[in-house]
């Protein structure tokens, strides 16, 4: 049985431009860019583990920070996780974005 997917908001603060580019490139393989340092990722347990491992190879764990915020099941209809001031971006509907 496949692991259950969860939607995560992933935000990062990286102190070095080279590491920042590496983190951004890694994140683009796993999710949808909501803002430059904020991504939405629909991941199962294996994918989350792989993403965390890839990010650990990019960041300096004493200086940089990556936050994973669990937003729940991406397939639940009617869930309102986001509200916006100003124009709202079109959010992904569901499913993996892993490339």
C-alpha atoms as a PDB file:
ATOM      1  CA  UNK A   1       0.000   0.000   0.000  1.00  0.00           C
ATOM      2  CA  UNK A   2       1.360   3.411  -0.954  1.00  0.00           C
ATOM      3  CA  UNK A   3       2.215   5.908   1.742  1.00  0.00           C
ATOM      4  CA  UNK A   4      -0.386   8.639   2.243  1.00  0.00           C
ATOM      5  CA  UNK A   5       0.375  12.013   0.645  1.00  0.00           C
ATOM      6  CA  UNK A   6       0.508  15.178   2.715  1.00  0.00           C
ATOM      7  CA  UNK A   7       0.706  18.769   1.531  1.00  0.00           C
ATOM      8  CA  UNK A   8       3.591  20.753   3.013  1.00  0.00           C
ATOM      9  CA  UNK A   9       4.426  24.405   2.918  1.00  0.00           C
ATOM     10  CA  UNK A  10       8.238  24.499   2.822  1.00  0.00           C
ATOM     11  CA  UNK A  11       9.985  27.800   3.532  1.00  0.00           C
ATOM     12  CA  UNK A  12      13.682  28.423   3.791  1.00  0.00           C
ATOM     13  CA  UNK A  13      16.188  31.041   4.905  1.00  0.00           C
ATOM     14  CA  UNK A  14      19.620  30.381   3.407  1.00  0.00           C
ATOM     15  CA  UNK A  15      22.564  32.648   4.260  1.00  0.00           C
ATOM     16  CA  UNK A  16      24.798  32.000   1.254  1.00  0.00           C
ATOM     17  CA  UNK A  17      23.937  32.613  -2.424  1.00  0.00           C
ATOM     18  CA  UNK A  18      25.517  29.371  -3.676  1.00  0.00           C
ATOM     19  CA  UNK A  19      23.625  27.282  -1.107  1.00  0.00           C
ATOM     20  CA  UNK A  20      20.461  29.301  -1.802  1.00  0.00           C
ATOM     21  CA  UNK A  21      20.628  28.425  -5.510  1.00  0.00           C
ATOM     22  CA  UNK A  22      21.214  24.759  -4.675  1.00  0.00           C
ATOM     23  CA  UNK A  23      18.228  24.668  -2.293  1.00  0.00           C
ATOM     24  CA  UNK A  24      15.979  26.441  -4.806  1.00  0.00           C
ATOM     25  CA  UNK A  25      16.999  24.008  -7.573  1.00  0.00           C
ATOM     26  CA  UNK A  26      16.303  21.053  -5.258  1.00  0.00           C
ATOM     27  CA  UNK A  27      12.919  22.441  -4.216  1.00  0.00           C
ATOM     28  CA  UNK A  28      11.857  22.907  -7.847  1.00  0.00           C
ATOM     29  CA  UNK A  29      12.197  19.125  -8.297  1.00  0.00           C
ATOM     30  CA  UNK A  30       9.769  18.431  -5.433  1.00  0.00           C
ATOM     31  CA  UNK A  31       7.197  21.191  -5.411  1.00  0.00           C
ATOM     32  CA  UNK A  32       5.515  24.271  -6.759  1.00  0.00           C
ATOM     33  CA  UNK A  33       7.049  27.694  -6.095  1.00  0.00           C
ATOM     34  CA  UNK A  34       4.532  29.879  -4.310  1.00  0.00           C
ATOM     35  CA  UNK A  35       7.071  32.634  -3.641  1.00  0.00           C
ATOM     36  CA  UNK A  36      10.840  32.630  -4.102  1.00  0.00           C
ATOM     37  CA  UNK A  37      11.660  30.876  -0.802  1.00  0.00           C
ATOM     38  CA  UNK A  38       8.262  29.237  -0.243  1.00  0.00           C
ATOM     39  CA  UNK A  39       7.108  26.031  -1.932  1.00  0.00           C
ATOM     40  CA  UNK A  40       4.056  23.796  -1.785  1.00  0.00           C
ATOM     41  CA  UNK A  41       4.951  20.102  -1.945  1.00  0.00           C
ATOM     42  CA  UNK A  42       2.605  17.093  -1.997  1.00  0.00           C
ATOM     43  CA  UNK A  43       4.765  14.289  -0.612  1.00  0.00           C
ATOM     44  CA  UNK A  44       4.478  10.779   0.706  1.00  0.00           C
ATOM     45  CA  UNK A  45       6.836   9.610   3.454  1.00  0.00           C
ATOM     46  CA  UNK A  46       9.528   8.350   1.076  1.00  0.00           C
ATOM     47  CA  UNK A  47       9.488  11.572  -0.934  1.00  0.00           C
ATOM     48  CA  UNK A  48       9.696  13.714   2.202  1.00  0.00           C
ATOM     49  CA  UNK A  49      12.650  11.662   3.435  1.00  0.00           C
ATOM     50  CA  UNK A  50      14.369  12.064   0.033  1.00  0.00           C
ATOM     51  CA  UNK A  51      13.718  15.825  -0.011  1.00  0.00           C
ATOM     52  CA  UNK A  52      15.042  16.274   3.514  1.00  0.00           C
ATOM     53  CA  UNK A  53      18.152  14.284   2.610  1.00  0.00           C
ATOM     54  CA  UNK A  54      18.748  16.339  -0.540  1.00  0.00           C
ATOM     55  CA  UNK A  55      18.314  19.586   1.415  1.00  0.00           C
ATOM     56  CA  UNK A  56      20.700  18.420   4.143  1.00  0.00           C
ATOM     57  CA  UNK A  57      23.360  18.065   1.444  1.00  0.00           C
ATOM     58  CA  UNK A  58      22.770  21.698   0.351  1.00  0.00           C
ATOM     59  CA  UNK A  59      22.463  23.641   3.576  1.00  0.00           C
ATOM     60  CA  UNK A  60      24.780  24.639   6.398  1.00  0.00           C
ATOM     61  CA  UNK A  61      22.859  23.256   9.372  1.00  0.00           C
ATOM     62  CA  UNK A  62      24.368  25.794  11.754  1.00  0.00           C
ATOM     63  CA  UNK A  63      23.399  28.843   9.672  1.00  0.00           C
ATOM     64  CA  UNK A  64      20.498  27.961   7.356  1.00  0.00           C
ATOM     65  CA  UNK A  65      16.907  27.031   8.151  1.00  0.00           C
ATOM     66  CA  UNK A  66      14.231  25.032   6.326  1.00  0.00           C
ATOM     67  CA  UNK A  67      10.695  24.788   7.749  1.00  0.00           C
ATOM     68  CA  UNK A  68       8.174  22.075   6.830  1.00  0.00           C
ATOM     69  CA  UNK A  69       4.577  23.000   7.703  1.00  0.00           C
ATOM     70  CA  UNK A  70       2.108  20.116   7.331  1.00  0.00           C
ATOM     71  CA  UNK A  71      -1.099  21.385   5.700  1.00  0.00           C
ATOM     72  CA  UNK A  72      -2.807  17.992   5.631  1.00  0.00           C
ATOM     73  CA  UNK A  73      -4.295  15.792   2.940  1.00  0.00           C
ATOM     74  CA  UNK A  74      -4.073  17.609  -0.421  1.00  0.00           C
ATOM     75  CA  UNK A  75      -7.112  15.770  -1.792  1.00  0.00           C
ATOM     76  CA  UNK A  76      -9.581  16.991   0.862  1.00  0.00           C
ATOM     77  CA  UNK A  77     -12.163  19.140  -0.881  1.00  0.00           C
ATOM     78  CA  UNK A  78     -13.139  22.434   0.674  1.00  0.00           C
ATOM     79  CA  UNK A  79     -10.061  22.816   2.872  1.00  0.00           C
ATOM     80  CA  UNK A  80      -9.015  26.442   3.033  1.00  0.00           C
ATOM     81  CA  UNK A  81      -5.383  26.548   4.174  1.00  0.00           C
ATOM     82  CA  UNK A  82      -4.527  29.883   2.587  1.00  0.00           C
ATOM     83  CA  UNK A  83      -5.825  33.413   2.647  1.00  0.00           C
ATOM     84  CA  UNK A  84      -4.145  36.293   0.858  1.00  0.00           C
ATOM     85  CA  UNK A  85      -3.793  40.035   0.962  1.00  0.00           C
ATOM     86  CA  UNK A  86      -3.356  41.225  -2.601  1.00  0.00           C
ATOM     87  CA  UNK A  87      -3.545  38.972  -5.653  1.00  0.00           C
ATOM     88  CA  UNK A  88      -3.795  35.300  -4.791  1.00  0.00           C
ATOM     89  CA  UNK A  89      -1.608  32.944  -6.822  1.00  0.00           C
ATOM     90  CA  UNK A  90      -3.225  29.943  -8.451  1.00  0.00           C
ATOM     91  CA  UNK A  91      -2.438  27.061  -6.112  1.00  0.00           C
ATOM     92  CA  UNK A  92      -1.883  23.482  -7.281  1.00  0.00           C
ATOM     93  CA  UNK A  93      -4.970  21.289  -7.026  1.00  0.00           C
ATOM     94  CA  UNK A  94      -3.323  18.034  -5.907  1.00  0.00           C
ATOM     95  CA  UNK A  95      -0.777  15.427  -6.758  1.00  0.00           C
ATOM     96  CA  UNK A  96       2.969  15.127  -6.926  1.00  0.00           C
ATOM     97  CA  UNK A  97       5.137  17.632  -8.713  1.00  0.00           C
ATOM     98  CA  UNK A  98       8.343  15.607  -8.439  1.00  0.00           C
ATOM     99  CA  UNK A  99      10.437  15.762 -11.589  1.00  0.00           C
END
